[in-house]
Each structure stands twice: as C-alpha cells, then as structure tokens.
Amino acid sequence: MKFKKISSILLTAAMAVSLVSCGSAGQKDSAEFSPALSTDTSCSIRVVGSYSNFESLESEFERFYEYYPNVSMNYVYLDDYNNTITSALMSDEAPDIYVTASWMLDDKKMALVFENAEVLSDPRLNINLDCIRKGAQWKTESGDTIMLPVFTRSFGMLVNMDIFEKNGLTVPDNYESLVDTCEKLKELGYETPIMGCNGITVAGMYYSFAFPLFCSEVMKNKDSLSSLNALDKASGELMRPSLERLKTFVDKGYLDPAKCSEEIADDYDAVIMRFFEGDVPMMLGSGDMVSGTLKRESKSEAFLSNPFKYKFFVVPSGDEGGYFLNSVNLFFSVNKNSKNLDMTNEFIRFITREEELGNMAAIKRLITPTNDFSLDEVYSSLEGFPQERAFSYRETGLNDAVGKEFRAAAYKVANGMITVEEAVNSYGKLWD
C-alpha cells in the first residue's frame, strides 16, 4: 500500500468561536478544555483516512498543541482506503485513529475494523458524546459507541438570499408557501424558480426535493417497513404523496428537468457553478454540494462580478415544513491497540466538543454533528430546527434498495417517462 504523509499546518482560516455546552441549549461550558494527562507528555499519534488533504483536522492538531505541545500528530492519506484499512490496522505502523463509514458496519470484510475499535462511550474515558445530535449518533446493538461522527450532511437547497431580499420575499417554510413563492418568482421573470441536477444520484435534485418527504411517510407507517425493504409491490403506495408533489412542480414549470439537463452536467461542480451565475433562486442538492461552494466562489467570474449571499435550507415539501434528513459522511474510530491509547483518547475527548467539531465542519463547509449551527452562516437556518421533523436514514429502517427504487421512480416521473400511478404500481422493478 502507498502512504502519503501530510504534515500538520496552522490554518489561518481557523476561527475564534464562543464556547457553548454540549448539553442543554444555551447553557455555557463551565470551563475551558482541561487536560487530563500530563501536558509534558511526548508521543506521536497518526490518523489515517481517505481524504487527500484534511485541513480541518490539521487545524485541530494545532489547537490541541496548545495543551500538549510535545505531542506530534500527523494525518496520512491511505491509497485505496476501503481495501487497505484492514491491512493497515494489522501492520507494524497501525494507525491510532482511522476513518470509518456507516456502510462498513454491514460489510463482513470490515469486521476487523470494528473489532479493533475502542468503545468511546466507556464512561472512564469521559468523552462527552451528549454533544452529538441525536440523528447523527450511531451505536452498536449492545449500545456502545465506537464511531465518532465528524462531518454530517443533509439534503435541501441553496437559496440566493439577494433575490429574495430584492423582491421582498421570505424563504418558504411549508409546502403551501413554497408553491406561492415559486408562483411569485415566475411572475417576476424567473422562468424556473428551482433547479438542480437531473439525475438519479443522492445528490440529484429529486432526492433533495422528495425523498425526505417520503421518509416522513415511512416514519408514520413503520408497519409497512418490512414490505418496503422486501420491495413488495403493494408498499409502493407510500411513494405516492411525494411523487405527486414532485409531478405538480414539474407540471407548473417550477422545476424543468430538460432545462436542468441542458445547463447542469453533474451534481457537484456544474451545479455549484450554475448557481453562482446568480439567476437561480433555489438550487437543489446535498450538503456535499454546499461543501464545494467556498473554493468555487473565486472560480466563478459571474460570482466575482456580482457576489451574493446564500444559505442552505431543507426543502419545505411537507404541509408543516421540510424534513431534516441526517446523514453522516465521516466518522473517526480509535484503535484500541494503539501504543499511545491514553493520549489518543485524550485527543478524541478534546475534539468531541461543539467548539471543535463545529470548527472542523466550518472549515470543510459541511454540517456539524452537534446541535450548534452558529459557526457557519450558510447553515444557520438549521438552528432550532424542530426535532419532530429531523431524523436519520438509519432511523427510518430503510435499506439501500428502497432508496434506489425511489430515486428511479422520481426521475422517471419528473421526466415524463411514467405516471405517478405507474411508478406506484411498478415498485420493486423501477431500478435497472
């Protein structure tokens, strides 16, 4: 395997932030981080992962050095990570901390990854996991936490706030107001109020627009879960409400799949650059799309000429509002066989605080796994989001096959390939 060592650097982008508790909202931390080990301790800790660069983590190294100046921390990019992490854990240079993902839990080839994982919820470690948002927490069947969520994402839309403010509009907060807003925007000359990538990926516009609404239907009908996961034809009826709303938006011209295909080639770079043209009120996509905006502001001549303020919102596709679908895209696990386990656990204790996890997310422009969204103005709309409309994909109990069926159904309905009725009646045979 090939390793590429990336030394830690001091990020000038690191920001000063106020301390807020990981416990009750509004309650301040009683004190700054307090070292539990001797600050004279000297050792080396290595983190391995699949990012070619990890500036936000390196920022945390520098912040940790303020407490433990003699500790050396390094991040190592591991080639072909998914196929080499198990070998790395068995090598003489086994990492102290390593990146994990939710899919690994269901892959038998990854069993060793979790057999070597420290139980971070062990009360003796004093790691405050209460600061992690409920929808971002992952536990084993025995109730142990062996994966610390570092970055999360959701699905929704980037909103051009300048367009809304210039026209005296407020960002819609439920389905009725979304329809009304789109109608007003069309009257104002915005031919297609909502755009996105016309595809079947999770970053495509149909997943962001309709899938959270579908998940809410599933949460209300848990007795249908087993038949949904078995792809039984009759359970396709649960797709109807979300597909009908999607079809309405296409029929009314609020969403134009053909135009989106013509102007947006992919669900990441192209969708961001099209949004930066400045004439799209609402752009559908995932949190991964949002994470790419900061670096692309300087690459867009249109944005440089006419910069505008933008924010991320969940799509208000439900009668009472939108649904915040939690999704974790990166975890840390600790090697319980680490030669410097005490200091490794100490670093995890250090970063498992709203301040540090928020700092990392803000630099990466992903969503923090905590409940404090104040560090990044782009995600400020999520502050105080109603808990009853926030859940994770894992909480729904749905398997991947259901997600694929829904994405295929939404794509085919929106593009006029099949009717809503045909999609409902074809459940289990839509993905091909």
Protein backbone atom coordinates (compact mmCIF):
# COMPACT_ATOMS: atom_id res chain seq x y z
CA MET A 1 0.00 0.00 0.00
CA LYS A 2 1.10 3.54 -0.61
CA PHE A 3 1.12 6.19 2.10
CA LYS A 4 1.27 9.90 1.58
CA LYS A 5 2.23 11.82 4.69
CA ILE A 6 0.70 15.22 5.18
CA SER A 7 2.26 17.29 7.94
CA SER A 8 0.06 19.38 10.15
CA ILE A 9 -0.10 23.08 9.39
CA LEU A 10 -1.57 26.05 11.13
CA LEU A 11 -4.67 27.08 9.26
CA THR A 12 -5.18 30.79 9.03
CA ALA A 13 -8.83 30.03 8.37
CA ALA A 14 -9.31 28.72 11.90
CA MET A 15 -11.74 30.97 13.68
CA ALA A 16 -12.41 32.11 17.20
CA VAL A 17 -15.73 30.85 18.44
CA SER A 18 -17.72 31.14 21.63
CA LEU A 19 -17.99 28.13 23.91
CA VAL A 20 -21.40 26.55 24.18
CA SER A 21 -22.36 23.46 26.07
CA CYS A 22 -22.86 20.07 24.50
CA GLY A 23 -25.68 19.64 26.97
CA SER A 24 -28.73 21.84 27.37
CA ALA A 25 -29.21 24.56 24.77
CA GLY A 26 -27.96 27.93 25.86
CA GLN A 27 -26.04 26.59 28.86
CA LYS A 28 -22.40 27.68 28.78
CA ASP A 29 -19.47 25.34 29.35
CA SER A 30 -18.39 25.55 32.94
CA ALA A 31 -14.73 25.72 31.90
CA GLU A 32 -12.27 25.54 29.04
CA PHE A 33 -10.95 22.16 28.00
CA SER A 34 -8.98 20.77 30.92
CA PRO A 35 -6.11 18.37 30.15
CA ALA A 36 -6.46 15.02 31.89
CA LEU A 37 -2.87 13.90 31.26
CA SER A 38 0.50 15.48 31.94
CA THR A 39 0.99 18.35 29.49
CA ASP A 40 4.66 17.34 29.24
CA THR A 41 3.72 14.03 27.62
CA SER A 42 5.70 13.33 24.47
CA CYS A 43 4.39 10.88 21.85
CA SER A 44 3.29 10.57 18.24
CA ILE A 45 -0.25 9.94 17.02
CA ARG A 46 -1.19 9.07 13.49
CA VAL A 47 -4.57 9.43 11.82
CA VAL A 48 -5.34 7.70 8.52
CA GLY A 49 -8.14 8.42 6.11
CA SER A 50 -9.30 8.68 2.53
CA TYR A 51 -9.13 12.47 2.07
CA SER A 52 -6.12 13.55 0.02
CA ASN A 53 -5.93 16.58 2.29
CA PHE A 54 -7.57 17.24 5.62
CA GLU A 55 -7.06 20.89 6.51
CA SER A 56 -9.81 20.98 9.11
CA LEU A 57 -8.24 18.11 11.05
CA GLU A 58 -4.84 19.73 10.83
CA SER A 59 -6.39 22.85 12.34
CA GLU A 60 -7.42 20.72 15.32
CA PHE A 61 -3.89 19.38 15.66
CA GLU A 62 -2.67 22.94 16.11
CA ARG A 63 -5.37 23.71 18.67
CA PHE A 64 -4.51 20.52 20.58
CA TYR A 65 -0.84 21.51 20.68
CA GLU A 66 -1.80 24.47 22.85
CA TYR A 67 -2.45 21.93 25.62
CA TYR A 68 0.06 19.23 24.66
CA PRO A 69 2.99 20.93 22.88
CA ASN A 70 5.17 17.80 22.90
CA VAL A 71 2.68 15.59 21.11
CA SER A 72 3.29 15.08 17.40
CA MET A 73 0.19 14.45 15.29
CA ASN A 74 0.13 13.53 11.62
CA TYR A 75 -2.53 12.76 9.08
CA VAL A 76 -1.79 10.09 6.48
CA TYR A 77 -3.72 9.61 3.26
CA LEU A 78 -4.13 5.93 2.55
CA ASP A 79 -4.44 4.84 -1.09
CA ASP A 80 -7.44 2.61 -1.91
CA TYR A 81 -8.62 3.16 1.65
CA ASN A 82 -11.61 0.81 1.66
CA ASN A 83 -9.43 -2.12 0.60
CA THR A 84 -6.35 -1.31 2.66
CA ILE A 85 -7.55 -0.09 6.05
CA THR A 86 -7.80 -3.63 7.46
CA SER A 87 -4.22 -4.38 6.40
CA ALA A 88 -3.07 -1.08 7.88
CA LEU A 89 -4.59 -1.99 11.25
CA MET A 90 -2.62 -5.26 11.25
CA SER A 91 0.68 -3.66 10.24
CA ASP A 92 3.60 -2.54 12.38
CA GLU A 93 2.58 1.05 11.59
CA ALA A 94 -1.03 0.66 12.62
CA PRO A 95 -2.86 4.00 12.94
CA ASP A 96 -4.06 5.36 16.24
CA ILE A 97 -7.19 6.90 14.71
CA TYR A 98 -8.84 5.87 11.46
CA VAL A 99 -11.79 6.95 9.34
CA THR A 100 -14.89 4.76 9.30
CA ALA A 101 -18.22 4.93 7.48
CA SER A 102 -21.71 3.60 8.16
CA TRP A 103 -21.66 1.17 5.22
CA MET A 104 -18.72 -0.65 6.79
CA LEU A 105 -20.96 -1.94 9.56
CA ASP A 106 -22.81 -4.16 7.08
CA ASP A 107 -19.72 -5.38 5.23
CA LYS A 108 -18.26 -8.62 6.60
CA LYS A 109 -14.88 -7.74 5.12
CA MET A 110 -14.78 -4.78 7.53
CA ALA A 111 -15.32 -6.85 10.69
CA LEU A 112 -11.69 -6.35 11.75
CA VAL A 113 -12.12 -2.58 11.52
CA PHE A 114 -14.63 -2.65 14.34
CA GLU A 115 -13.07 -5.48 16.32
CA ASN A 116 -10.13 -3.12 16.80
CA ALA A 117 -12.27 -0.11 17.72
CA GLU A 118 -12.19 1.50 21.14
CA VAL A 119 -15.51 1.86 22.96
CA LEU A 120 -15.72 5.64 23.08
CA SER A 121 -18.82 5.56 25.27
CA ASP A 122 -16.88 3.92 28.12
CA PRO A 123 -17.58 6.37 30.99
CA ARG A 124 -13.97 6.08 32.17
CA LEU A 125 -12.87 8.00 29.06
CA ASN A 126 -15.05 10.98 29.96
CA ILE A 127 -15.84 11.72 26.31
CA ASN A 128 -18.95 13.89 26.18
CA LEU A 129 -20.93 12.18 23.42
CA ASP A 130 -24.06 14.05 24.52
CA CYS A 131 -22.95 16.89 22.29
CA ILE A 132 -23.65 14.77 19.21
CA ARG A 133 -27.00 15.41 17.56
CA LYS A 134 -29.42 12.50 18.08
CA GLY A 135 -29.80 11.83 14.36
CA ALA A 136 -26.01 11.65 13.93
CA GLN A 137 -25.37 9.11 16.69
CA TRP A 138 -24.52 5.54 15.73
CA LYS A 139 -24.35 2.74 18.28
CA THR A 140 -23.77 -0.99 18.16
CA GLU A 141 -26.53 -3.45 19.03
CA SER A 142 -25.10 -3.57 22.55
CA GLY A 143 -25.42 0.21 22.86
CA ASP A 144 -21.73 1.04 22.56
CA THR A 145 -20.37 3.98 20.55
CA ILE A 146 -17.33 3.01 18.51
CA MET A 147 -17.66 5.68 15.79
CA LEU A 148 -17.46 9.41 16.41
CA PRO A 149 -19.38 11.46 13.78
CA VAL A 150 -17.12 14.21 12.45
CA PHE A 151 -18.91 15.53 9.37
CA THR A 152 -22.58 15.25 8.50
CA ARG A 153 -24.62 16.34 5.55
CA SER A 154 -28.26 16.67 4.66
CA PHE A 155 -30.29 17.31 1.55
CA GLY A 156 -32.03 20.52 0.59
CA MET A 157 -31.46 23.67 -1.40
CA LEU A 158 -29.11 26.62 -1.65
CA VAL A 159 -31.12 29.83 -1.65
CA ASN A 160 -29.95 33.05 -3.31
CA MET A 161 -30.83 35.37 -0.44
CA ASP A 162 -30.25 38.51 -2.52
CA ILE A 163 -33.01 37.50 -4.96
CA PHE A 164 -35.43 37.02 -2.10
CA GLU A 165 -34.49 40.22 -0.32
CA LYS A 166 -34.53 42.30 -3.52
CA ASN A 167 -38.05 41.14 -4.29
CA GLY A 168 -39.40 41.36 -0.76
CA LEU A 169 -39.84 37.60 -0.45
CA THR A 170 -39.25 35.36 2.54
CA VAL A 171 -37.84 31.86 2.22
CA PRO A 172 -40.82 29.46 2.24
CA ASP A 173 -41.27 27.29 5.31
CA ASN A 174 -44.02 24.86 4.20
CA TYR A 175 -45.41 23.39 1.01
CA GLU A 176 -48.15 26.00 0.54
CA SER A 177 -45.71 28.88 0.87
CA LEU A 178 -43.23 27.09 -1.44
CA VAL A 179 -45.86 26.91 -4.18
CA ASP A 180 -46.83 30.53 -3.58
CA THR A 181 -43.21 31.67 -3.67
CA CYS A 182 -42.50 29.82 -6.91
CA GLU A 183 -45.57 31.41 -8.50
CA LYS A 184 -44.41 34.89 -7.45
CA LEU A 185 -40.90 34.23 -8.75
CA LYS A 186 -42.26 33.18 -12.13
CA GLU A 187 -44.34 36.38 -12.26
CA LEU A 188 -41.14 38.32 -11.52
CA GLY A 189 -39.44 36.77 -14.54
CA TYR A 190 -37.60 33.82 -13.00
CA GLU A 191 -38.61 31.22 -15.55
CA THR A 192 -37.51 28.24 -13.46
CA PRO A 193 -37.50 29.10 -9.73
CA ILE A 194 -35.90 25.80 -8.73
CA MET A 195 -33.06 23.94 -10.46
CA GLY A 196 -30.71 21.05 -9.75
CA CYS A 197 -29.01 18.09 -11.36
CA ASN A 198 -31.47 15.97 -13.34
CA GLY A 199 -30.16 12.58 -12.25
CA ILE A 200 -30.76 9.59 -10.00
CA THR A 201 -27.89 10.07 -7.54
CA VAL A 202 -28.45 11.05 -3.90
CA ALA A 203 -27.01 14.46 -4.80
CA GLY A 204 -29.53 14.90 -7.58
CA MET A 205 -32.49 17.24 -7.24
CA TYR A 206 -35.17 14.58 -6.77
CA TYR A 207 -33.56 13.10 -3.68
CA SER A 208 -33.36 16.52 -2.05
CA PHE A 209 -36.84 17.58 -3.08
CA ALA A 210 -38.90 14.48 -2.42
CA PHE A 211 -37.01 11.76 -0.55
CA PRO A 212 -37.19 13.36 2.94
CA LEU A 213 -40.96 13.68 2.49
CA PHE A 214 -41.12 10.01 1.52
CA CYS A 215 -39.10 9.13 4.63
CA SER A 216 -41.59 11.01 6.79
CA GLU A 217 -44.36 8.83 5.35
CA VAL A 218 -42.31 5.76 6.22
CA MET A 219 -41.79 7.00 9.78
CA LYS A 220 -45.57 7.28 10.14
CA ASN A 221 -46.14 3.79 8.71
CA LYS A 222 -43.49 1.60 10.32
CA ASP A 223 -45.76 -1.42 9.93
CA SER A 224 -45.02 -1.22 6.19
CA LEU A 225 -41.24 -1.21 6.64
CA SER A 226 -40.63 -4.92 6.12
CA SER A 227 -42.65 -4.99 2.89
CA LEU A 228 -40.90 -1.84 1.66
CA ASN A 229 -37.50 -3.39 2.26
CA ALA A 230 -38.64 -6.59 0.57
CA LEU A 231 -39.68 -4.47 -2.45
CA ASP A 232 -43.22 -5.76 -2.29
CA LYS A 233 -45.29 -4.10 -4.99
CA ALA A 234 -48.15 -3.08 -2.68
CA SER A 235 -45.88 -0.97 -0.44
CA GLY A 236 -45.15 1.38 -3.36
CA GLU A 237 -48.24 3.30 -2.35
CA LEU A 238 -46.14 5.12 0.25
CA MET A 239 -44.31 6.89 -2.58
CA ARG A 240 -47.47 8.50 -3.91
CA PRO A 241 -47.63 11.73 -1.81
CA SER A 242 -44.04 12.76 -2.53
CA LEU A 243 -44.19 11.79 -6.20
CA GLU A 244 -47.43 13.71 -6.70
CA ARG A 245 -45.88 16.87 -5.26
CA LEU A 246 -42.84 16.44 -7.47
CA LYS A 247 -45.06 15.99 -10.52
CA THR A 248 -47.01 19.15 -9.61
CA PHE A 249 -43.80 21.18 -9.56
CA VAL A 250 -42.79 19.91 -12.97
CA ASP A 251 -46.25 20.46 -14.46
CA LYS A 252 -46.39 24.03 -13.17
CA GLY A 253 -42.94 24.80 -14.54
CA TYR A 254 -41.38 25.47 -11.16
CA LEU A 255 -38.91 22.69 -11.97
CA ASP A 256 -37.79 21.96 -15.53
CA PRO A 257 -35.85 18.68 -15.92
CA ALA A 258 -34.97 19.33 -19.58
CA LYS A 259 -33.52 22.75 -18.82
CA CYS A 260 -31.59 21.33 -15.87
CA SER A 261 -30.08 18.63 -18.09
CA GLU A 262 -29.10 21.22 -20.66
CA GLU A 263 -27.43 23.60 -18.22
CA ILE A 264 -26.12 21.36 -15.42
CA ALA A 265 -23.82 18.48 -16.37
CA ASP A 266 -23.18 16.96 -12.94
CA ASP A 267 -24.37 17.05 -9.32
CA TYR A 268 -21.31 18.80 -7.87
CA ASP A 269 -19.08 21.22 -9.77
CA ALA A 270 -21.58 22.08 -12.51
CA VAL A 271 -24.49 22.62 -10.16
CA ILE A 272 -22.41 24.97 -7.98
CA MET A 273 -21.12 26.99 -10.92
CA ARG A 274 -24.63 27.29 -12.38
CA PHE A 275 -25.92 28.57 -9.04
CA PHE A 276 -23.15 31.18 -8.96
CA GLU A 277 -24.48 32.65 -12.21
CA GLY A 278 -26.82 34.44 -9.80
CA ASP A 279 -30.18 33.97 -11.53
CA VAL A 280 -31.37 30.77 -9.81
CA PRO A 281 -33.49 31.47 -6.70
CA MET A 282 -33.26 27.92 -5.31
CA MET A 283 -30.76 25.19 -6.24
CA LEU A 284 -31.40 21.63 -5.06
CA GLY A 285 -28.56 19.43 -3.87
CA SER A 286 -26.76 17.75 -1.00
CA GLY A 287 -24.53 19.05 1.76
CA ASP A 288 -21.57 17.79 -0.26
CA MET A 289 -22.52 20.32 -2.92
CA VAL A 290 -22.56 23.05 -0.29
CA SER A 291 -19.10 22.00 0.91
CA GLY A 292 -17.72 22.79 -2.53
CA THR A 293 -19.07 26.33 -2.74
CA LEU A 294 -16.37 28.22 -0.85
CA LYS A 295 -13.50 27.08 -3.08
CA ARG A 296 -15.53 27.78 -6.22
CA GLU A 297 -16.57 31.34 -5.43
CA SER A 298 -13.23 32.56 -6.79
CA LYS A 299 -13.58 30.35 -9.88
CA SER A 300 -16.86 31.90 -10.97
CA GLU A 301 -16.45 35.11 -12.95
CA ALA A 302 -20.17 35.78 -12.52
CA PHE A 303 -19.97 35.47 -8.73
CA LEU A 304 -16.81 37.59 -8.53
CA SER A 305 -18.53 40.31 -10.56
CA ASN A 306 -21.79 40.14 -8.62
CA PRO A 307 -21.35 38.28 -5.33
CA PHE A 308 -24.48 37.44 -3.38
CA LYS A 309 -25.44 35.98 -0.04
CA TYR A 310 -26.66 32.39 0.01
CA LYS A 311 -27.86 29.90 2.62
CA PHE A 312 -28.81 26.25 2.87
CA PHE A 313 -32.39 25.25 3.72
CA VAL A 314 -34.25 21.96 3.79
CA VAL A 315 -36.92 21.82 1.10
CA PRO A 316 -40.29 22.64 2.71
CA SER A 317 -42.10 19.84 0.88
CA GLY A 318 -44.39 18.95 3.78
CA ASP A 319 -47.58 20.67 4.89
CA GLU A 320 -45.90 21.72 8.15
CA GLY A 321 -42.45 22.26 6.68
CA GLY A 322 -39.42 20.37 5.48
CA TYR A 323 -37.65 17.34 6.90
CA PHE A 324 -34.04 17.40 8.03
CA LEU A 325 -32.53 14.07 6.99
CA ASN A 326 -29.33 13.48 8.96
CA SER A 327 -26.55 11.67 7.14
CA VAL A 328 -23.03 11.11 8.48
CA ASN A 329 -20.35 11.05 5.82
CA LEU A 330 -17.27 10.61 8.02
CA PHE A 331 -16.57 9.01 11.40
CA PHE A 332 -13.44 8.57 13.48
CA SER A 333 -12.70 5.32 15.29
CA VAL A 334 -9.84 4.74 17.73
CA ASN A 335 -7.51 1.75 17.53
CA LYS A 336 -7.86 0.11 20.94
CA ASN A 337 -4.40 -1.41 20.41
CA SER A 338 -2.76 1.98 19.97
CA LYS A 339 0.66 2.28 21.59
CA ASN A 340 -0.41 5.72 22.82
CA LEU A 341 -4.02 4.93 23.66
CA ASP A 342 -4.36 7.36 26.56
CA MET A 343 -3.26 10.36 24.51
CA THR A 344 -5.28 9.18 21.50
CA ASN A 345 -8.40 9.05 23.64
CA GLU A 346 -7.47 12.44 25.04
CA PHE A 347 -7.43 13.93 21.54
CA ILE A 348 -10.84 12.41 20.84
CA ARG A 349 -12.11 13.88 24.11
CA PHE A 350 -10.71 17.25 23.00
CA ILE A 351 -12.45 17.32 19.63
CA THR A 352 -15.75 15.90 20.93
CA ARG A 353 -16.99 19.34 21.87
CA GLU A 354 -19.29 21.67 19.97
CA GLU A 355 -16.50 24.20 19.55
CA GLU A 356 -14.03 21.79 17.94
CA LEU A 357 -16.45 19.75 15.84
CA GLY A 358 -18.04 22.99 14.71
CA ASN A 359 -14.65 24.41 13.75
CA MET A 360 -13.82 21.35 11.68
CA ALA A 361 -17.19 21.40 9.91
CA ALA A 362 -16.99 25.13 9.20
CA ILE A 363 -13.58 24.83 7.54
CA LYS A 364 -14.84 21.94 5.40
CA ARG A 365 -18.23 23.67 4.96
CA LEU A 366 -20.11 20.56 5.98
CA ILE A 367 -22.76 20.30 8.68
CA THR A 368 -21.57 19.88 12.24
CA PRO A 369 -22.71 16.69 14.00
CA THR A 370 -23.69 18.79 17.03
CA ASN A 371 -26.74 20.96 17.60
CA ASP A 372 -24.82 24.25 17.31
CA PHE A 373 -25.13 25.56 13.73
CA SER A 374 -23.93 29.07 14.57
CA LEU A 375 -20.37 28.70 13.25
CA ASP A 376 -21.35 28.77 9.59
CA GLU A 377 -23.89 31.33 8.38
CA VAL A 378 -24.68 29.12 5.39
CA TYR A 379 -26.27 26.54 7.71
CA SER A 380 -27.80 28.97 10.20
CA SER A 381 -31.33 28.10 9.02
CA LEU A 382 -30.94 24.75 10.79
CA GLU A 383 -30.63 26.39 14.20
CA GLY A 384 -33.59 25.33 16.31
CA PHE A 385 -34.98 23.02 13.63
CA PRO A 386 -38.00 21.09 15.04
CA GLN A 387 -36.83 17.74 16.37
CA GLU A 388 -40.04 16.03 15.29
CA ARG A 389 -39.10 16.70 11.66
CA ALA A 390 -35.46 15.64 11.97
CA PHE A 391 -34.32 12.04 11.64
CA SER A 392 -31.60 9.92 10.12
CA TYR A 393 -31.81 7.43 7.28
CA ARG A 394 -30.89 4.76 9.80
CA GLU A 395 -33.91 5.66 11.94
CA THR A 396 -36.22 5.07 9.01
CA GLY A 397 -35.07 1.45 8.85
CA LEU A 398 -34.99 1.57 5.05
CA ASN A 399 -32.39 -0.41 3.13
CA ASP A 400 -30.43 0.86 0.14
CA ALA A 401 -32.66 -0.90 -2.35
CA VAL A 402 -35.62 1.25 -1.30
CA GLY A 403 -33.62 4.42 -1.82
CA LYS A 404 -32.68 3.30 -5.31
CA GLU A 405 -36.29 2.44 -6.17
CA PHE A 406 -37.45 5.85 -5.02
CA ARG A 407 -34.77 7.74 -6.93
CA ALA A 408 -35.62 5.83 -10.08
CA ALA A 409 -39.34 6.49 -9.58
CA ALA A 410 -38.83 10.21 -9.01
CA TYR A 411 -36.54 10.57 -12.03
CA LYS A 412 -38.91 8.72 -14.36
CA VAL A 413 -42.00 10.60 -13.15
CA ALA A 414 -40.33 14.01 -13.39
CA ASN A 415 -39.03 13.30 -16.89
CA GLY A 416 -42.41 12.09 -18.13
CA MET A 417 -41.29 8.51 -18.67
CA ILE A 418 -44.02 7.08 -16.44
CA THR A 419 -47.01 8.41 -14.48
CA VAL A 420 -47.23 8.51 -10.70
CA GLU A 421 -49.72 5.66 -10.86
CA GLU A 422 -47.35 3.56 -12.95
CA ALA A 423 -44.48 4.30 -10.56
CA VAL A 424 -46.52 3.20 -7.56
CA ASN A 425 -47.62 0.03 -9.31
CA SER A 426 -44.09 -0.76 -10.53
CA TYR A 427 -42.43 -0.56 -7.12
CA GLY A 428 -39.72 -3.19 -6.90
CA LYS A 429 -38.94 -3.06 -10.62
CA LEU A 430 -38.02 0.60 -11.13
CA TRP A 431 -34.25 0.43 -10.66
CA ASP A 432 -32.49 -1.02 -13.67
